[in-house]
């Protein structure tokens, strides 16, 4: 068993406090299945369902997700210094449009849309952010049914103490 320093314990306590605050503020969205919170020992993952976030084949944020993003943004601002990684994910259905040549590009643009929304308020420090587009290559479930493909289309906001 690895022993944690006092500083590491404090950071993990802060992460737990942040998760509790997110659960309280996002109760309705969590009950509706629009947002899922996953707690891990060393990080917190805020999973945003793409049905309320983006139209199919689009990286433009829908208006209905903005109130939830505002709540998340506020809470992230209450805990400065964490590393925040915004990850875009898609299902395995190929895309080829004028705007997006593949799922890599779509997933990256969706993550970038969330990042830009968070940063336009000037509340959050851009130095704490990182961005990743994974395309269809990190599914959380098999892509064998329409329901499972829907679960794989998501944006994850990963909060890591540092």
N, C-alpha and C. Protein backbone atom coordinates (compact mmCIF):
# COMPACT_ATOMS: atom_id res chain seq x y z
N UNK A 1 0.84 -1.18 0.00
CA UNK A 1 0.00 0.00 0.00
C UNK A 1 0.88 1.24 0.00
N UNK A 2 0.66 2.09 -0.95
CA UNK A 2 1.44 3.31 -1.05
C UNK A 2 0.98 4.30 0.02
N UNK A 3 1.95 4.91 0.69
CA UNK A 3 1.63 5.91 1.69
C UNK A 3 1.59 7.28 1.03
N UNK A 4 0.58 8.05 1.37
CA UNK A 4 0.41 9.37 0.78
C UNK A 4 1.00 10.43 1.69
N UNK A 5 1.58 11.43 1.09
CA UNK A 5 2.06 12.57 1.86
C UNK A 5 0.86 13.39 2.33
N UNK A 6 1.09 14.27 3.27
CA UNK A 6 0.01 15.15 3.75
C UNK A 6 -0.55 15.98 2.61
N UNK A 7 0.32 16.47 1.75
CA UNK A 7 -0.12 17.28 0.62
C UNK A 7 -1.00 16.46 -0.33
N UNK A 8 -0.62 15.22 -0.59
CA UNK A 8 -1.42 14.35 -1.46
C UNK A 8 -2.78 14.08 -0.84
N UNK A 9 -2.80 13.86 0.47
CA UNK A 9 -4.07 13.63 1.16
C UNK A 9 -4.98 14.85 1.05
N UNK A 10 -4.41 16.04 1.21
CA UNK A 10 -5.19 17.28 1.09
C UNK A 10 -5.76 17.43 -0.31
N UNK A 11 -4.94 17.13 -1.32
CA UNK A 11 -5.40 17.24 -2.70
C UNK A 11 -6.54 16.26 -2.98
N UNK A 12 -6.43 15.05 -2.46
CA UNK A 12 -7.49 14.07 -2.66
C UNK A 12 -8.75 14.45 -1.91
N UNK A 13 -8.60 15.07 -0.73
CA UNK A 13 -9.76 15.57 0.01
C UNK A 13 -10.44 16.69 -0.78
N UNK A 14 -9.64 17.58 -1.38
CA UNK A 14 -10.20 18.66 -2.21
C UNK A 14 -10.97 18.08 -3.40
N UNK A 15 -10.41 17.03 -3.99
CA UNK A 15 -11.07 16.39 -5.13
C UNK A 15 -12.40 15.79 -4.70
N UNK A 16 -12.43 15.18 -3.53
CA UNK A 16 -13.67 14.61 -3.00
C UNK A 16 -14.69 15.72 -2.73
N UNK A 17 -14.24 16.83 -2.16
CA UNK A 17 -15.13 17.97 -1.92
C UNK A 17 -15.71 18.49 -3.23
N UNK A 18 -14.85 18.57 -4.24
CA UNK A 18 -15.29 19.05 -5.54
C UNK A 18 -16.34 18.10 -6.14
N UNK A 19 -16.11 16.81 -6.02
CA UNK A 19 -17.07 15.82 -6.52
C UNK A 19 -18.41 15.96 -5.80
N UNK A 20 -18.37 16.15 -4.49
CA UNK A 20 -19.61 16.33 -3.72
C UNK A 20 -20.36 17.58 -4.17
N UNK A 21 -19.63 18.66 -4.39
CA UNK A 21 -20.25 19.90 -4.84
C UNK A 21 -20.87 19.73 -6.23
N UNK A 22 -20.17 19.04 -7.11
CA UNK A 22 -20.71 18.78 -8.44
C UNK A 22 -21.98 17.93 -8.36
N UNK A 23 -21.96 16.90 -7.54
CA UNK A 23 -23.15 16.05 -7.38
C UNK A 23 -24.34 16.86 -6.88
N UNK A 24 -24.10 17.77 -5.95
CA UNK A 24 -25.19 18.59 -5.42
C UNK A 24 -25.73 19.57 -6.46
N UNK A 25 -24.85 20.22 -7.19
CA UNK A 25 -25.27 21.23 -8.18
C UNK A 25 -25.90 20.61 -9.42
N UNK A 26 -25.48 19.40 -9.77
CA UNK A 26 -25.93 18.76 -11.01
C UNK A 26 -26.92 17.63 -10.76
N UNK A 27 -27.63 17.69 -9.65
CA UNK A 27 -28.55 16.62 -9.28
C UNK A 27 -29.55 16.31 -10.39
N UNK A 28 -30.19 17.33 -10.96
CA UNK A 28 -31.19 17.10 -12.00
C UNK A 28 -30.59 16.46 -13.24
N UNK A 29 -29.45 16.99 -13.67
CA UNK A 29 -28.79 16.47 -14.87
C UNK A 29 -28.32 15.02 -14.67
N UNK A 30 -27.88 14.71 -13.46
CA UNK A 30 -27.44 13.35 -13.15
C UNK A 30 -28.64 12.41 -13.14
N UNK A 31 -29.76 12.83 -12.53
CA UNK A 31 -30.96 12.00 -12.50
C UNK A 31 -31.49 11.72 -13.90
N UNK A 32 -31.37 12.69 -14.80
CA UNK A 32 -31.84 12.52 -16.18
C UNK A 32 -30.86 11.73 -17.04
N UNK A 33 -29.69 11.40 -16.50
CA UNK A 33 -28.69 10.66 -17.26
C UNK A 33 -27.91 11.50 -18.25
N UNK A 34 -28.03 12.82 -18.14
CA UNK A 34 -27.32 13.72 -19.05
C UNK A 34 -25.86 13.87 -18.67
N UNK A 35 -25.60 13.76 -17.38
CA UNK A 35 -24.24 13.87 -16.86
C UNK A 35 -24.01 12.73 -15.89
N UNK A 36 -22.83 12.16 -15.97
CA UNK A 36 -22.43 11.11 -15.03
C UNK A 36 -21.12 11.52 -14.38
N UNK A 37 -21.02 11.31 -13.09
CA UNK A 37 -19.78 11.57 -12.36
C UNK A 37 -19.16 10.24 -11.98
N UNK A 38 -17.89 10.11 -12.26
CA UNK A 38 -17.16 8.90 -11.88
C UNK A 38 -16.00 9.32 -11.00
N UNK A 39 -15.97 8.77 -9.81
CA UNK A 39 -14.88 9.06 -8.88
C UNK A 39 -13.86 7.93 -8.94
N UNK A 40 -12.63 8.31 -9.10
CA UNK A 40 -11.53 7.38 -9.03
C UNK A 40 -10.63 7.87 -7.90
N UNK A 41 -9.70 7.03 -7.48
CA UNK A 41 -8.81 7.40 -6.38
C UNK A 41 -8.07 8.70 -6.66
N UNK A 42 -7.61 8.87 -7.89
CA UNK A 42 -6.72 9.98 -8.20
C UNK A 42 -7.29 10.99 -9.19
N UNK A 43 -8.57 10.85 -9.55
CA UNK A 43 -9.15 11.79 -10.50
C UNK A 43 -10.67 11.70 -10.44
N UNK A 44 -11.29 12.69 -11.04
CA UNK A 44 -12.74 12.77 -11.15
C UNK A 44 -13.06 12.92 -12.63
N UNK A 45 -14.04 12.16 -13.12
CA UNK A 45 -14.44 12.27 -14.52
C UNK A 45 -15.90 12.72 -14.58
N UNK A 46 -16.12 13.83 -15.27
CA UNK A 46 -17.46 14.35 -15.52
C UNK A 46 -17.79 13.97 -16.95
N UNK A 47 -18.75 13.08 -17.11
CA UNK A 47 -19.11 12.55 -18.42
C UNK A 47 -20.37 13.24 -18.91
N UNK A 48 -20.28 13.90 -20.06
CA UNK A 48 -21.41 14.65 -20.60
C UNK A 48 -21.95 13.91 -21.83
N UNK A 49 -23.21 13.54 -21.77
CA UNK A 49 -23.88 12.84 -22.86
C UNK A 49 -23.98 13.74 -24.09
N UNK A 50 -23.69 13.20 -25.25
CA UNK A 50 -23.68 14.04 -26.44
C UNK A 50 -25.08 14.43 -26.91
N UNK A 51 -26.13 13.70 -26.50
CA UNK A 51 -27.49 14.03 -26.95
C UNK A 51 -27.90 15.44 -26.54
N UNK A 52 -27.46 15.87 -25.36
CA UNK A 52 -27.81 17.23 -24.93
C UNK A 52 -26.72 18.24 -25.28
N UNK A 53 -25.59 17.76 -25.77
CA UNK A 53 -24.45 18.63 -26.02
C UNK A 53 -24.32 19.06 -27.47
N UNK A 54 -24.50 18.11 -28.40
CA UNK A 54 -24.21 18.36 -29.80
C UNK A 54 -25.25 17.67 -30.69
N UNK A 55 -25.54 18.28 -31.82
CA UNK A 55 -26.31 17.59 -32.85
C UNK A 55 -25.38 16.59 -33.53
N UNK A 56 -25.96 15.60 -34.18
CA UNK A 56 -25.18 14.58 -34.87
C UNK A 56 -24.26 15.23 -35.90
N UNK A 57 -22.98 14.85 -35.86
CA UNK A 57 -22.01 15.36 -36.82
C UNK A 57 -21.61 16.80 -36.62
N UNK A 58 -21.95 17.38 -35.46
CA UNK A 58 -21.66 18.79 -35.19
C UNK A 58 -20.78 18.94 -33.96
N UNK A 59 -20.00 20.01 -33.93
CA UNK A 59 -19.20 20.33 -32.75
C UNK A 59 -19.69 21.62 -32.09
N UNK A 60 -20.84 22.12 -32.53
CA UNK A 60 -21.42 23.33 -31.94
C UNK A 60 -22.24 22.93 -30.72
N UNK A 61 -21.96 23.57 -29.58
CA UNK A 61 -22.68 23.26 -28.35
C UNK A 61 -24.15 23.64 -28.48
N UNK A 62 -25.03 22.76 -28.01
CA UNK A 62 -26.46 23.07 -27.95
C UNK A 62 -26.71 23.99 -26.76
N UNK A 63 -27.72 24.83 -26.88
CA UNK A 63 -28.06 25.75 -25.80
C UNK A 63 -28.45 25.00 -24.52
N UNK A 64 -29.06 23.83 -24.65
CA UNK A 64 -29.57 23.14 -23.46
C UNK A 64 -28.46 22.61 -22.55
N UNK A 65 -27.23 22.50 -23.03
CA UNK A 65 -26.13 22.04 -22.17
C UNK A 65 -25.48 23.20 -21.42
N UNK A 66 -25.69 24.42 -21.87
CA UNK A 66 -24.97 25.56 -21.30
C UNK A 66 -25.20 25.75 -19.80
N UNK A 67 -26.44 25.61 -19.28
CA UNK A 67 -26.60 25.75 -17.82
C UNK A 67 -25.76 24.74 -17.03
N UNK A 68 -25.69 23.50 -17.50
CA UNK A 68 -24.87 22.50 -16.80
C UNK A 68 -23.39 22.86 -16.91
N UNK A 69 -22.95 23.30 -18.09
CA UNK A 69 -21.55 23.71 -18.23
C UNK A 69 -21.23 24.90 -17.34
N UNK A 70 -22.20 25.80 -17.17
CA UNK A 70 -21.98 26.94 -16.28
C UNK A 70 -21.78 26.48 -14.83
N UNK A 71 -22.56 25.49 -14.40
CA UNK A 71 -22.40 24.96 -13.05
C UNK A 71 -21.03 24.30 -12.89
N UNK A 72 -20.65 23.52 -13.89
CA UNK A 72 -19.34 22.85 -13.84
C UNK A 72 -18.23 23.89 -13.81
N UNK A 73 -18.34 24.90 -14.66
CA UNK A 73 -17.33 25.96 -14.74
C UNK A 73 -17.18 26.66 -13.39
N UNK A 74 -18.29 26.96 -12.76
CA UNK A 74 -18.25 27.64 -11.46
C UNK A 74 -17.52 26.78 -10.42
N UNK A 75 -17.83 25.51 -10.38
CA UNK A 75 -17.21 24.63 -9.39
C UNK A 75 -15.73 24.42 -9.71
N UNK A 76 -15.38 24.26 -10.98
CA UNK A 76 -13.97 24.15 -11.34
C UNK A 76 -13.21 25.40 -10.89
N UNK A 77 -13.86 26.55 -10.99
CA UNK A 77 -13.23 27.80 -10.56
C UNK A 77 -13.03 27.89 -9.06
N UNK A 78 -13.84 27.15 -8.30
CA UNK A 78 -13.70 27.14 -6.84
C UNK A 78 -12.51 26.31 -6.36
N UNK A 79 -11.93 25.53 -7.26
CA UNK A 79 -10.82 24.64 -6.91
C UNK A 79 -9.67 24.86 -7.90
N UNK A 80 -9.04 26.01 -7.84
CA UNK A 80 -7.98 26.31 -8.82
C UNK A 80 -6.76 25.40 -8.64
N UNK A 81 -6.02 25.25 -9.72
CA UNK A 81 -4.78 24.50 -9.65
C UNK A 81 -4.86 23.08 -10.14
N UNK A 82 -6.07 22.53 -10.25
CA UNK A 82 -6.20 21.18 -10.78
C UNK A 82 -5.89 21.17 -12.27
N UNK A 83 -5.41 20.05 -12.76
CA UNK A 83 -5.29 19.83 -14.19
C UNK A 83 -6.67 19.39 -14.69
N UNK A 84 -7.15 20.03 -15.75
CA UNK A 84 -8.46 19.71 -16.31
C UNK A 84 -8.25 19.29 -17.76
N UNK A 85 -8.54 18.04 -18.04
CA UNK A 85 -8.37 17.49 -19.39
C UNK A 85 -9.75 17.31 -20.00
N UNK A 86 -9.99 17.96 -21.11
CA UNK A 86 -11.27 17.82 -21.80
C UNK A 86 -11.06 16.85 -22.96
N UNK A 87 -11.81 15.74 -22.91
CA UNK A 87 -11.64 14.66 -23.87
C UNK A 87 -12.90 14.50 -24.73
N UNK A 88 -12.72 14.48 -26.03
CA UNK A 88 -13.82 14.20 -26.94
C UNK A 88 -13.76 12.75 -27.40
N UNK A 89 -14.93 12.10 -27.47
CA UNK A 89 -15.04 10.70 -27.88
C UNK A 89 -16.21 10.56 -28.85
N UNK A 90 -16.11 9.62 -29.77
CA UNK A 90 -17.19 9.33 -30.70
C UNK A 90 -17.48 7.84 -30.70
N UNK A 91 -18.52 7.46 -31.43
CA UNK A 91 -18.75 6.04 -31.68
C UNK A 91 -17.90 5.62 -32.88
N UNK A 92 -18.12 4.41 -33.36
CA UNK A 92 -17.28 3.92 -34.46
C UNK A 92 -17.92 4.06 -35.84
N UNK A 93 -19.00 4.81 -35.93
CA UNK A 93 -19.63 5.05 -37.23
C UNK A 93 -18.81 6.11 -37.97
N UNK A 94 -18.30 5.76 -39.15
CA UNK A 94 -17.44 6.72 -39.87
C UNK A 94 -18.20 8.00 -40.21
N UNK A 95 -17.47 9.10 -40.19
CA UNK A 95 -18.03 10.39 -40.58
C UNK A 95 -17.14 10.97 -41.67
N UNK A 96 -17.77 11.58 -42.64
CA UNK A 96 -17.03 12.31 -43.66
C UNK A 96 -17.96 13.42 -44.15
N UNK A 97 -17.69 14.61 -43.65
CA UNK A 97 -18.47 15.77 -44.05
C UNK A 97 -17.51 16.84 -44.55
N UNK A 98 -18.07 17.96 -45.01
CA UNK A 98 -17.21 19.07 -45.44
C UNK A 98 -16.38 19.59 -44.27
N UNK A 99 -16.95 19.53 -43.09
CA UNK A 99 -16.27 20.08 -41.92
C UNK A 99 -15.36 19.07 -41.22
N UNK A 100 -15.76 17.80 -41.20
CA UNK A 100 -15.00 16.78 -40.46
C UNK A 100 -14.65 15.61 -41.37
N UNK A 101 -13.37 15.35 -41.50
CA UNK A 101 -12.94 14.26 -42.37
C UNK A 101 -13.03 12.90 -41.68
N UNK A 102 -13.03 12.90 -40.33
CA UNK A 102 -13.10 11.64 -39.60
C UNK A 102 -13.49 11.89 -38.14
N UNK A 103 -13.65 10.80 -37.39
CA UNK A 103 -14.06 10.91 -35.99
C UNK A 103 -12.99 11.54 -35.10
N UNK A 104 -11.73 11.41 -35.47
CA UNK A 104 -10.67 12.09 -34.71
C UNK A 104 -10.95 13.59 -34.69
N UNK A 105 -11.19 14.12 -35.87
CA UNK A 105 -11.40 15.57 -35.98
C UNK A 105 -12.67 16.00 -35.25
N UNK A 106 -13.75 15.26 -35.41
CA UNK A 106 -15.00 15.59 -34.72
C UNK A 106 -14.81 15.57 -33.21
N UNK A 107 -14.16 14.54 -32.69
CA UNK A 107 -13.99 14.43 -31.24
C UNK A 107 -13.12 15.57 -30.70
N UNK A 108 -12.07 15.92 -31.43
CA UNK A 108 -11.22 17.03 -31.01
C UNK A 108 -11.95 18.36 -31.04
N UNK A 109 -12.74 18.58 -32.07
CA UNK A 109 -13.50 19.84 -32.18
C UNK A 109 -14.57 19.95 -31.09
N UNK A 110 -15.17 18.84 -30.73
CA UNK A 110 -16.16 18.87 -29.64
C UNK A 110 -15.48 19.22 -28.31
N UNK A 111 -14.34 18.62 -28.05
CA UNK A 111 -13.60 18.95 -26.83
C UNK A 111 -13.20 20.42 -26.85
N UNK A 112 -12.77 20.90 -28.01
CA UNK A 112 -12.37 22.30 -28.14
C UNK A 112 -13.54 23.25 -27.91
N UNK A 113 -14.73 22.88 -28.35
CA UNK A 113 -15.92 23.71 -28.11
C UNK A 113 -16.18 23.88 -26.61
N UNK A 114 -16.05 22.79 -25.86
CA UNK A 114 -16.25 22.86 -24.41
C UNK A 114 -15.15 23.72 -23.79
N UNK A 115 -13.92 23.52 -24.21
CA UNK A 115 -12.80 24.32 -23.69
C UNK A 115 -13.03 25.80 -23.94
N UNK A 116 -13.38 26.16 -25.16
CA UNK A 116 -13.62 27.58 -25.48
C UNK A 116 -14.75 28.14 -24.63
N UNK A 117 -15.82 27.37 -24.42
CA UNK A 117 -16.92 27.84 -23.59
C UNK A 117 -16.44 28.11 -22.17
N UNK A 118 -15.66 27.20 -21.63
CA UNK A 118 -15.14 27.40 -20.27
C UNK A 118 -14.25 28.63 -20.18
N UNK A 119 -13.43 28.85 -21.17
CA UNK A 119 -12.42 29.91 -21.08
C UNK A 119 -12.93 31.29 -21.47
N UNK A 120 -14.04 31.37 -22.19
CA UNK A 120 -14.50 32.69 -22.63
C UNK A 120 -14.95 33.57 -21.46
N UNK A 121 -15.25 32.99 -20.32
CA UNK A 121 -15.68 33.77 -19.16
C UNK A 121 -14.52 34.42 -18.42
N UNK A 122 -13.30 33.97 -18.71
CA UNK A 122 -12.08 34.47 -18.06
C UNK A 122 -12.02 34.10 -16.57
N UNK A 123 -12.88 33.20 -16.11
CA UNK A 123 -12.88 32.75 -14.72
C UNK A 123 -11.80 31.70 -14.50
N UNK A 124 -11.63 30.83 -15.48
CA UNK A 124 -10.72 29.70 -15.35
C UNK A 124 -9.38 30.00 -16.02
N UNK A 125 -8.32 29.47 -15.45
CA UNK A 125 -6.96 29.70 -15.94
C UNK A 125 -6.65 28.72 -17.08
N UNK A 126 -6.39 29.23 -18.28
CA UNK A 126 -6.12 28.33 -19.41
C UNK A 126 -4.89 27.45 -19.21
N UNK A 127 -3.99 27.85 -18.33
CA UNK A 127 -2.79 27.04 -18.08
C UNK A 127 -3.11 25.72 -17.39
N UNK A 128 -4.31 25.59 -16.84
CA UNK A 128 -4.71 24.37 -16.15
C UNK A 128 -5.40 23.36 -17.07
N UNK A 129 -5.54 23.69 -18.35
CA UNK A 129 -6.31 22.85 -19.26
C UNK A 129 -5.45 22.10 -20.25
N UNK A 130 -5.95 20.94 -20.62
CA UNK A 130 -5.38 20.14 -21.70
C UNK A 130 -6.56 19.60 -22.50
N UNK A 131 -6.29 19.22 -23.72
CA UNK A 131 -7.35 18.83 -24.65
C UNK A 131 -6.96 17.54 -25.34
N UNK A 132 -7.93 16.65 -25.56
CA UNK A 132 -7.66 15.41 -26.28
C UNK A 132 -8.88 15.02 -27.10
N UNK A 133 -8.64 14.55 -28.30
CA UNK A 133 -9.68 13.98 -29.15
C UNK A 133 -9.32 12.54 -29.43
N UNK A 134 -10.15 11.62 -28.99
CA UNK A 134 -9.84 10.19 -29.10
C UNK A 134 -10.59 9.48 -30.22
N UNK A 135 -11.47 10.20 -30.91
CA UNK A 135 -12.25 9.53 -31.94
C UNK A 135 -13.02 8.37 -31.33
N UNK A 136 -13.04 7.26 -32.05
CA UNK A 136 -13.77 6.07 -31.58
C UNK A 136 -12.89 5.10 -30.82
N UNK A 137 -11.67 5.50 -30.48
CA UNK A 137 -10.68 4.54 -30.01
C UNK A 137 -10.62 4.33 -28.50
N UNK A 138 -11.48 4.99 -27.73
CA UNK A 138 -11.56 4.71 -26.29
C UNK A 138 -13.02 4.57 -25.87
N UNK A 139 -13.70 3.56 -26.42
CA UNK A 139 -15.11 3.37 -26.04
C UNK A 139 -15.22 2.90 -24.59
N UNK A 140 -16.35 3.26 -23.97
CA UNK A 140 -16.59 2.77 -22.62
C UNK A 140 -17.42 1.48 -22.64
N UNK A 141 -18.09 1.24 -23.76
CA UNK A 141 -18.82 -0.01 -23.98
C UNK A 141 -18.64 -0.41 -25.44
N UNK A 142 -19.02 -1.63 -25.77
CA UNK A 142 -18.95 -2.10 -27.15
C UNK A 142 -19.86 -1.25 -28.03
N UNK A 143 -19.49 -1.05 -29.27
CA UNK A 143 -20.29 -0.27 -30.22
C UNK A 143 -21.29 -1.15 -30.98
N UNK A 144 -21.78 -2.22 -30.35
CA UNK A 144 -22.60 -3.20 -31.05
C UNK A 144 -24.08 -2.88 -31.13
N UNK A 145 -24.55 -1.87 -30.39
CA UNK A 145 -25.97 -1.48 -30.45
C UNK A 145 -26.06 0.04 -30.54
N UNK A 146 -27.20 0.56 -31.02
CA UNK A 146 -27.37 2.01 -31.05
C UNK A 146 -27.25 2.64 -29.65
N UNK A 147 -27.75 1.95 -28.64
CA UNK A 147 -27.68 2.47 -27.27
C UNK A 147 -26.23 2.57 -26.80
N UNK A 148 -25.45 1.55 -27.09
CA UNK A 148 -24.04 1.57 -26.69
C UNK A 148 -23.26 2.63 -27.47
N UNK A 149 -23.54 2.76 -28.77
CA UNK A 149 -22.86 3.80 -29.54
C UNK A 149 -23.16 5.18 -28.95
N UNK A 150 -24.40 5.37 -28.50
CA UNK A 150 -24.76 6.65 -27.88
C UNK A 150 -23.95 6.91 -26.61
N UNK A 151 -23.68 5.87 -25.82
CA UNK A 151 -22.87 6.03 -24.61
C UNK A 151 -21.43 6.40 -24.94
N UNK A 152 -20.94 5.93 -26.07
CA UNK A 152 -19.56 6.23 -26.45
C UNK A 152 -19.38 7.63 -27.02
N UNK A 153 -20.47 8.24 -27.47
CA UNK A 153 -20.40 9.63 -27.97
C UNK A 153 -20.51 10.55 -26.75
N UNK A 154 -19.39 11.13 -26.36
CA UNK A 154 -19.39 11.90 -25.11
C UNK A 154 -18.21 12.85 -25.07
N UNK A 155 -18.31 13.78 -24.14
CA UNK A 155 -17.17 14.60 -23.74
C UNK A 155 -16.93 14.30 -22.27
N UNK A 156 -15.70 13.97 -21.94
CA UNK A 156 -15.30 13.75 -20.55
C UNK A 156 -14.46 14.93 -20.09
N UNK A 157 -14.77 15.42 -18.91
CA UNK A 157 -13.95 16.44 -18.27
C UNK A 157 -13.26 15.73 -17.11
N UNK A 158 -11.96 15.57 -17.23
CA UNK A 158 -11.18 14.82 -16.25
C UNK A 158 -10.45 15.82 -15.36
N UNK A 159 -10.68 15.72 -14.06
CA UNK A 159 -10.07 16.62 -13.09
C UNK A 159 -9.03 15.84 -12.30
N UNK A 160 -7.79 16.32 -12.35
CA UNK A 160 -6.67 15.63 -11.70
C UNK A 160 -5.98 16.61 -10.76
N UNK A 161 -5.87 16.29 -9.47
CA UNK A 161 -5.14 17.18 -8.56
C UNK A 161 -3.66 17.22 -8.93
N UNK A 162 -3.06 18.37 -8.69
CA UNK A 162 -1.61 18.47 -8.89
C UNK A 162 -1.02 19.47 -7.94
